[in-house]
Amino acid sequence: MSRRPIGVGIIGLGNSGWFYHAEGTLEHSPDYDVVAVSARRPERTAEAARRFGATGHATWLDLVHDERVDLVVVATPHDQHAPMTIASLEAGKHVVVEKPMASTRAEAEAMMAAAQRSGRILTVFQNRRWEPSFQIIRQLLAEGAIGQVWRSEERRMHRGRYTVSGSERAHAGTEPAAWAHSTAGGGGVVNLIAPHLVDHQLLLHGGLPECVSATMHRYEGDEVEHHGDVRLHYGDGVVARIEVFRECDVDLPKWAVFGSAGTIVADDFDALRLVRPGRDVVRFDGLAPLQACDEFYESLARAVHGDGPVPVDPQEAAAVVRVLEAAHRSAASGGVTVAP
């Protein structure tokens, strides 16, 4: 017996809402039907309504109370995640919220409490858990391919200031994404890029570290940092290092994982090398980064129908928020270690 597609309402039709969620997965999935959209600008709402065959709502609250909407996707600036998510849950909707889940630990806990009260699903779009490179690294470590891991490093480099989406793809517009460069919007490269990397490291190392240290650099005249160097300390000298750049014209290695019996290295997103003393180098080629994530939404559909767990546990996403908060506190205090 076929099931009715899950009715989706999308709040925010920018880089993520339009290209990663709606166009990337939802419009071609038999499990979902995009029935409602709402953007900050009325003309964007109207454009999205035409493009995806949905009802355009003048306000996000109107969308939340649309009876055809079963699932709300919150793809807005970071400072809006908590209020929109809580209101959606209280209206009886399931929620997918973009990363980072929230701006503070308190907000994340309030969101999870709302989900508990409502009996609805709350999950977070940590879609880069499904990146081929990370999936392979996680599998190799689970197999003990490099022995005891004592250090991991992960880097991401952007090519300049964040812009709005273009007509054909994300981040291809000419107008700056103002919120991403403001403290009020929850911007800054650490909040924008590092959530994916923090999520990776928490999964690889088994949870929260003992403490976090960080340094961040901000150009004169900017409100937010353009570079962040975040270190998660797990005790006994085990460290996970995350480095993110808003502008970087040099391709630094994306991954390096060091163990007692070998090293895993990824210079880019296309390939991994497993290097072990006295053995042939093992290469994993033909890899690619991802932006949309069909696997995330396939898992979510099963969860909505009661056939499996949510794709990303909100408790795990809340742990990411705790690390980010600790990193900002550390950087503000000169790089001292801070408990998450």
Protein backbone atom coordinates (compact mmCIF):
# COMPACT_ATOMS: atom_id res chain seq x y z
CA MET A 1 0.00 0.00 0.00
CA SER A 2 1.49 3.33 -1.06
CA ARG A 3 1.80 6.14 1.46
CA ARG A 4 0.80 9.75 0.96
CA PRO A 5 3.88 11.94 0.38
CA ILE A 6 4.96 13.96 3.40
CA GLY A 7 3.85 17.57 2.95
CA VAL A 8 6.82 19.91 3.29
CA GLY A 9 6.89 23.61 4.06
CA ILE A 10 10.22 25.41 3.56
CA ILE A 11 11.06 28.58 5.47
CA GLY A 12 13.96 30.36 3.81
CA LEU A 13 14.60 30.02 0.07
CA GLY A 14 18.23 31.04 -0.23
CA ASN A 15 21.38 29.02 -0.79
CA SER A 16 20.28 26.11 1.39
CA GLY A 17 16.48 26.11 1.29
CA TRP A 18 16.25 26.40 -2.49
CA PHE A 19 19.28 24.49 -3.75
CA TYR A 20 20.18 21.92 -1.08
CA HIS A 21 16.74 21.01 0.23
CA ALA A 22 14.03 21.78 -2.37
CA GLU A 23 15.91 21.39 -5.64
CA GLY A 24 18.60 19.07 -4.28
CA THR A 25 16.34 16.34 -2.92
CA LEU A 26 12.74 17.13 -2.04
CA GLU A 27 11.29 17.91 -5.46
CA HIS A 28 12.44 14.61 -6.97
CA SER A 29 11.72 12.36 -3.98
CA PRO A 30 8.54 10.25 -4.04
CA ASP A 31 8.45 10.49 -0.23
CA TYR A 32 7.85 14.25 -0.16
CA ASP A 33 5.70 16.96 -1.67
CA VAL A 34 6.77 20.61 -1.33
CA VAL A 35 3.41 22.21 -0.59
CA ALA A 36 4.35 25.55 1.00
CA VAL A 37 7.18 28.09 0.89
CA SER A 38 7.99 31.36 2.63
CA ALA A 39 10.98 33.63 2.08
CA ARG A 40 12.05 36.94 3.56
CA ARG A 41 11.29 38.82 0.33
CA PRO A 42 7.80 38.52 -1.22
CA GLU A 43 9.24 38.27 -4.74
CA ARG A 44 11.41 35.31 -3.70
CA THR A 45 8.38 33.61 -2.15
CA ALA A 46 6.42 34.07 -5.38
CA GLU A 47 9.34 32.78 -7.47
CA ALA A 48 9.71 29.68 -5.27
CA ALA A 49 5.97 29.03 -5.34
CA ARG A 50 6.03 29.00 -9.14
CA ARG A 51 9.21 26.93 -9.35
CA PHE A 52 8.13 24.20 -6.92
CA GLY A 53 4.37 24.27 -7.47
CA ALA A 54 3.71 25.29 -3.88
CA THR A 55 1.64 27.81 -1.99
CA GLY A 56 3.58 30.94 -1.12
CA HIS A 57 2.96 32.31 2.37
CA ALA A 58 3.49 35.95 3.28
CA THR A 59 4.89 35.02 6.70
CA TRP A 60 6.63 31.98 8.10
CA LEU A 61 3.96 31.70 10.82
CA ASP A 62 1.30 31.34 8.12
CA LEU A 63 3.31 28.46 6.68
CA VAL A 64 3.67 26.79 10.07
CA HIS A 65 -0.11 26.75 10.46
CA ASP A 66 -0.80 25.43 6.95
CA GLU A 67 -2.71 22.17 7.54
CA ARG A 68 -1.12 20.49 4.53
CA VAL A 69 2.36 20.85 6.03
CA ASP A 70 3.59 17.80 7.95
CA LEU A 71 7.28 18.76 7.98
CA VAL A 72 8.84 22.21 8.26
CA VAL A 73 12.35 22.83 6.91
CA VAL A 74 13.98 25.79 8.67
CA ALA A 75 16.68 27.10 6.31
CA THR A 76 17.13 30.62 7.63
CA PRO A 77 19.88 32.69 9.29
CA HIS A 78 21.14 31.09 12.48
CA ASP A 79 19.51 33.51 14.92
CA GLN A 80 16.07 32.46 13.65
CA HIS A 81 16.50 28.70 14.07
CA ALA A 82 15.26 28.39 17.64
CA PRO A 83 12.05 30.48 17.49
CA MET A 84 10.97 29.04 14.15
CA THR A 85 11.69 25.47 15.20
CA ILE A 86 9.88 25.78 18.53
CA ALA A 87 6.83 27.40 16.91
CA SER A 88 6.71 24.66 14.26
CA LEU A 89 6.90 21.88 16.84
CA GLU A 90 4.22 23.54 18.95
CA ALA A 91 2.02 23.62 15.84
CA GLY A 92 2.38 19.84 15.58
CA LYS A 93 4.90 19.74 12.73
CA HIS A 94 8.04 17.65 12.37
CA VAL A 95 11.12 19.83 11.85
CA VAL A 96 14.38 19.74 9.91
CA VAL A 97 16.55 22.66 10.98
CA GLU A 98 19.76 23.72 9.24
CA LYS A 99 23.09 23.51 11.02
CA PRO A 100 24.10 24.80 13.46
CA MET A 101 20.99 23.70 15.30
CA ALA A 102 20.98 26.82 17.47
CA SER A 103 23.12 29.75 18.55
CA THR A 104 23.40 28.63 22.18
CA ARG A 105 23.14 25.52 24.31
CA ALA A 106 20.09 27.01 26.03
CA GLU A 107 18.32 27.42 22.69
CA ALA A 108 19.16 23.86 21.67
CA GLU A 109 17.78 22.51 24.94
CA ALA A 110 14.59 24.54 24.52
CA MET A 111 14.15 23.14 21.01
CA MET A 112 14.58 19.56 22.22
CA ALA A 113 12.13 20.19 25.07
CA ALA A 114 9.57 21.45 22.55
CA ALA A 115 10.04 18.31 20.48
CA GLN A 116 9.55 16.17 23.58
CA ARG A 117 6.36 18.00 24.52
CA SER A 118 4.92 17.83 21.01
CA GLY A 119 5.82 14.23 20.29
CA ARG A 120 7.13 15.34 16.90
CA ILE A 121 10.48 14.71 15.20
CA LEU A 122 13.28 17.23 15.45
CA THR A 123 16.40 16.58 13.39
CA VAL A 124 19.29 18.68 12.07
CA PHE A 125 20.67 18.89 8.52
CA GLN A 126 24.23 17.74 9.24
CA ASN A 127 24.28 16.45 5.68
CA ARG A 128 28.06 16.14 5.40
CA ARG A 129 27.92 13.03 7.56
CA TRP A 130 27.18 11.38 4.22
CA GLU A 131 30.23 12.75 2.41
CA PRO A 132 32.10 9.82 0.85
CA SER A 133 35.43 10.87 2.35
CA PHE A 134 34.03 11.00 5.88
CA GLN A 135 32.14 7.74 5.44
CA ILE A 136 35.34 5.98 4.38
CA ILE A 137 37.41 7.49 7.19
CA ARG A 138 34.81 6.46 9.74
CA GLN A 139 34.76 2.91 8.39
CA LEU A 140 38.57 2.64 8.35
CA LEU A 141 38.80 3.78 11.96
CA ALA A 142 36.07 1.35 13.00
CA GLU A 143 38.11 -1.44 11.39
CA GLY A 144 41.24 -0.36 13.25
CA ALA A 145 43.07 0.34 9.99
CA ILE A 146 45.50 2.84 11.56
CA GLY A 147 45.49 1.57 15.14
CA GLN A 148 44.87 3.95 18.02
CA VAL A 149 43.98 7.42 16.78
CA TRP A 150 45.86 10.21 18.56
CA ARG A 151 45.25 13.19 16.29
CA SER A 152 42.84 14.21 13.56
CA GLU A 153 42.81 17.37 11.47
CA GLU A 154 40.11 18.66 9.16
CA ARG A 155 40.03 21.86 7.12
CA ARG A 156 37.60 23.68 4.86
CA MET A 157 38.38 26.70 2.71
CA HIS A 158 35.90 29.13 1.21
CA ARG A 159 36.89 31.35 -1.69
CA GLY A 160 35.60 34.67 -0.36
CA ARG A 161 32.78 36.45 1.39
CA TYR A 162 29.43 34.73 1.41
CA THR A 163 26.92 35.81 -1.22
CA VAL A 164 23.28 35.09 -1.86
CA SER A 165 22.37 32.38 -4.33
CA GLY A 166 22.48 32.87 -8.06
CA SER A 167 19.81 31.83 -10.53
CA GLU A 168 21.46 28.48 -11.22
CA ARG A 169 23.36 27.50 -8.08
CA ALA A 170 24.07 28.31 -4.47
CA HIS A 171 26.49 31.07 -3.43
CA ALA A 172 26.69 32.33 -7.01
CA GLY A 173 25.04 35.71 -6.60
CA THR A 174 26.77 39.07 -6.45
CA GLU A 175 24.92 40.51 -3.44
CA PRO A 176 26.54 39.76 -0.06
CA ALA A 177 24.61 37.55 2.35
CA ALA A 178 24.54 40.27 4.99
CA TRP A 179 23.47 38.07 7.90
CA ALA A 180 26.48 35.77 7.39
CA HIS A 181 28.79 38.70 8.09
CA SER A 182 26.98 39.97 11.18
CA THR A 183 26.96 39.00 14.83
CA ALA A 184 23.20 39.57 15.02
CA GLY A 185 22.58 36.94 12.33
CA GLY A 186 24.88 34.42 13.98
CA GLY A 187 27.41 34.73 11.18
CA GLY A 188 31.15 34.19 11.01
CA VAL A 189 33.09 31.37 9.39
CA VAL A 190 33.12 29.25 12.57
CA ASN A 191 29.32 29.16 12.79
CA LEU A 192 28.94 28.76 9.03
CA ILE A 193 31.42 26.01 8.18
CA ALA A 194 32.71 24.47 11.39
CA PRO A 195 29.44 22.74 12.45
CA HIS A 196 30.04 20.07 9.79
CA LEU A 197 33.60 19.50 10.96
CA VAL A 198 32.74 19.50 14.65
CA ASP A 199 30.04 16.92 13.94
CA HIS A 200 32.59 14.74 12.14
CA GLN A 201 35.08 14.90 14.99
CA LEU A 202 32.51 14.18 17.71
CA LEU A 203 31.45 11.07 15.80
CA LEU A 204 35.03 9.91 15.21
CA HIS A 205 36.14 10.47 18.80
CA GLY A 206 33.03 9.21 20.54
CA GLY A 207 31.44 12.41 21.83
CA LEU A 208 32.29 15.64 23.58
CA PRO A 209 35.92 16.45 24.40
CA GLU A 210 37.18 17.28 27.87
CA CYS A 211 37.84 20.86 26.79
CA VAL A 212 38.03 23.15 23.77
CA SER A 213 40.51 25.86 22.78
CA ALA A 214 40.31 28.23 19.83
CA THR A 215 41.75 31.26 18.14
CA MET A 216 39.87 33.37 15.61
CA HIS A 217 40.98 36.25 13.44
CA ARG A 218 38.79 39.16 12.41
CA TYR A 219 39.76 41.81 9.88
CA GLU A 220 39.51 45.43 10.94
CA GLY A 221 36.06 46.70 10.08
CA ASP A 222 34.44 43.24 10.08
CA GLU A 223 31.94 42.16 12.72
CA VAL A 224 32.82 38.46 12.52
CA GLU A 225 35.85 36.25 12.09
CA HIS A 226 37.19 35.11 8.72
CA HIS A 227 39.37 32.33 10.17
CA GLY A 228 38.98 29.91 13.04
CA ASP A 229 41.34 27.33 14.52
CA VAL A 230 39.45 25.09 16.96
CA ARG A 231 40.97 22.25 18.98
CA LEU A 232 39.07 19.55 20.81
CA HIS A 233 41.12 18.02 23.63
CA TYR A 234 40.23 14.44 24.58
CA GLY A 235 42.89 13.79 27.20
CA ASP A 236 46.16 11.84 27.04
CA GLY A 237 47.33 14.07 24.19
CA VAL A 238 44.49 13.11 21.82
CA VAL A 239 43.44 16.18 19.84
CA ALA A 240 41.04 16.95 17.01
CA ARG A 241 41.91 20.14 15.13
CA ILE A 242 39.43 22.02 12.96
CA GLU A 243 40.49 24.92 10.77
CA VAL A 244 38.11 26.99 8.64
CA PHE A 245 38.83 29.87 6.26
CA ARG A 246 36.44 32.36 4.72
CA GLU A 247 39.04 33.33 2.12
CA CYS A 248 41.82 30.95 1.15
CA ASP A 249 43.40 30.65 -2.29
CA VAL A 250 45.64 27.73 -1.32
CA ASP A 251 44.29 24.18 -1.22
CA LEU A 252 45.47 22.89 2.13
CA PRO A 253 44.88 19.19 2.97
CA LYS A 254 41.24 18.54 3.85
CA TRP A 255 41.94 15.61 6.17
CA ALA A 256 44.81 14.07 8.11
CA VAL A 257 44.13 11.36 10.70
CA PHE A 258 47.09 9.97 12.62
CA GLY A 259 47.13 6.62 14.37
CA SER A 260 49.61 4.28 16.02
CA ALA A 261 49.72 2.12 12.88
CA GLY A 262 49.24 4.55 10.00
CA THR A 263 47.82 7.77 8.61
CA ILE A 264 44.82 8.71 6.47
CA VAL A 265 45.30 11.76 4.23
CA ALA A 266 42.96 13.61 1.88
CA ASP A 267 44.47 16.49 -0.08
CA ASP A 268 41.10 17.27 -1.64
CA PHE A 269 37.57 15.87 -1.84
CA ASP A 270 38.34 13.54 -4.73
CA ALA A 271 40.60 10.96 -3.10
CA LEU A 272 41.89 9.47 0.17
CA ARG A 273 45.19 7.73 0.90
CA LEU A 274 45.70 5.12 3.61
CA VAL A 275 49.42 5.07 4.40
CA ARG A 276 50.91 2.37 6.67
CA PRO A 277 54.56 1.48 7.31
CA GLY A 278 55.82 -1.40 5.17
CA ARG A 279 52.59 -1.73 3.19
CA ASP A 280 51.34 -0.48 -0.16
CA VAL A 281 49.44 2.77 -0.09
CA VAL A 282 45.70 2.19 -0.45
CA ARG A 283 43.88 4.83 -2.51
CA PHE A 284 40.20 5.62 -2.61
CA ASP A 285 39.56 7.62 -5.80
CA GLY A 286 36.55 9.11 -7.52
CA LEU A 287 35.09 10.66 -4.38
CA ALA A 288 33.11 13.88 -4.39
CA PRO A 289 31.66 16.33 -1.88
CA LEU A 290 27.91 16.60 -1.59
CA GLN A 291 25.49 19.43 -0.88
CA ALA A 292 22.07 17.88 -1.20
CA CYS A 293 21.58 14.63 0.65
CA ASP A 294 19.08 12.06 -0.52
CA GLU A 295 20.23 9.65 2.20
CA PHE A 296 19.29 12.12 4.93
CA TYR A 297 15.76 12.52 3.61
CA GLU A 298 15.31 8.81 2.92
CA SER A 299 16.16 8.12 6.55
CA LEU A 300 13.85 10.89 7.72
CA ALA A 301 10.92 9.51 5.73
CA ARG A 302 11.35 6.16 7.47
CA ALA A 303 11.44 7.92 10.85
CA VAL A 304 8.27 9.89 10.12
CA HIS A 305 6.49 6.63 9.30
CA GLY A 306 7.83 4.98 12.46
CA ASP A 307 10.20 2.67 10.61
CA GLY A 308 13.56 3.84 11.94
CA PRO A 309 15.57 6.45 13.86
CA VAL A 310 15.96 10.07 12.83
CA PRO A 311 18.91 10.72 10.50
CA VAL A 312 20.61 13.05 13.00
CA ASP A 313 19.88 12.82 16.70
CA PRO A 314 19.23 16.35 18.04
CA GLN A 315 21.30 15.50 21.13
CA GLU A 316 24.31 15.05 18.85
CA ALA A 317 23.59 18.32 17.08
CA ALA A 318 23.25 20.05 20.46
CA ALA A 319 26.73 18.77 21.34
CA VAL A 320 28.02 20.56 18.22
CA VAL A 321 26.48 23.79 19.54
CA ARG A 322 28.21 23.29 22.89
CA VAL A 323 31.60 22.97 21.17
CA LEU A 324 30.98 26.08 19.06
CA GLU A 325 29.98 28.08 22.13
CA ALA A 326 33.09 26.91 23.97
CA ALA A 327 35.25 27.82 20.97
CA HIS A 328 33.91 31.38 20.91
CA ARG A 329 34.45 31.74 24.66
CA SER A 330 37.99 30.42 24.33
CA ALA A 331 38.86 32.75 21.44
CA ALA A 332 37.43 35.73 23.32
CA SER A 333 39.72 34.86 26.25
CA GLY A 334 42.91 34.48 24.25
CA GLY A 335 42.69 30.78 23.44
CA VAL A 336 42.36 29.34 26.95
CA THR A 337 40.82 25.90 27.33
CA VAL A 338 37.09 25.90 28.06
CA ALA A 339 34.81 23.01 29.04
CA PRO A 340 32.00 22.50 26.49
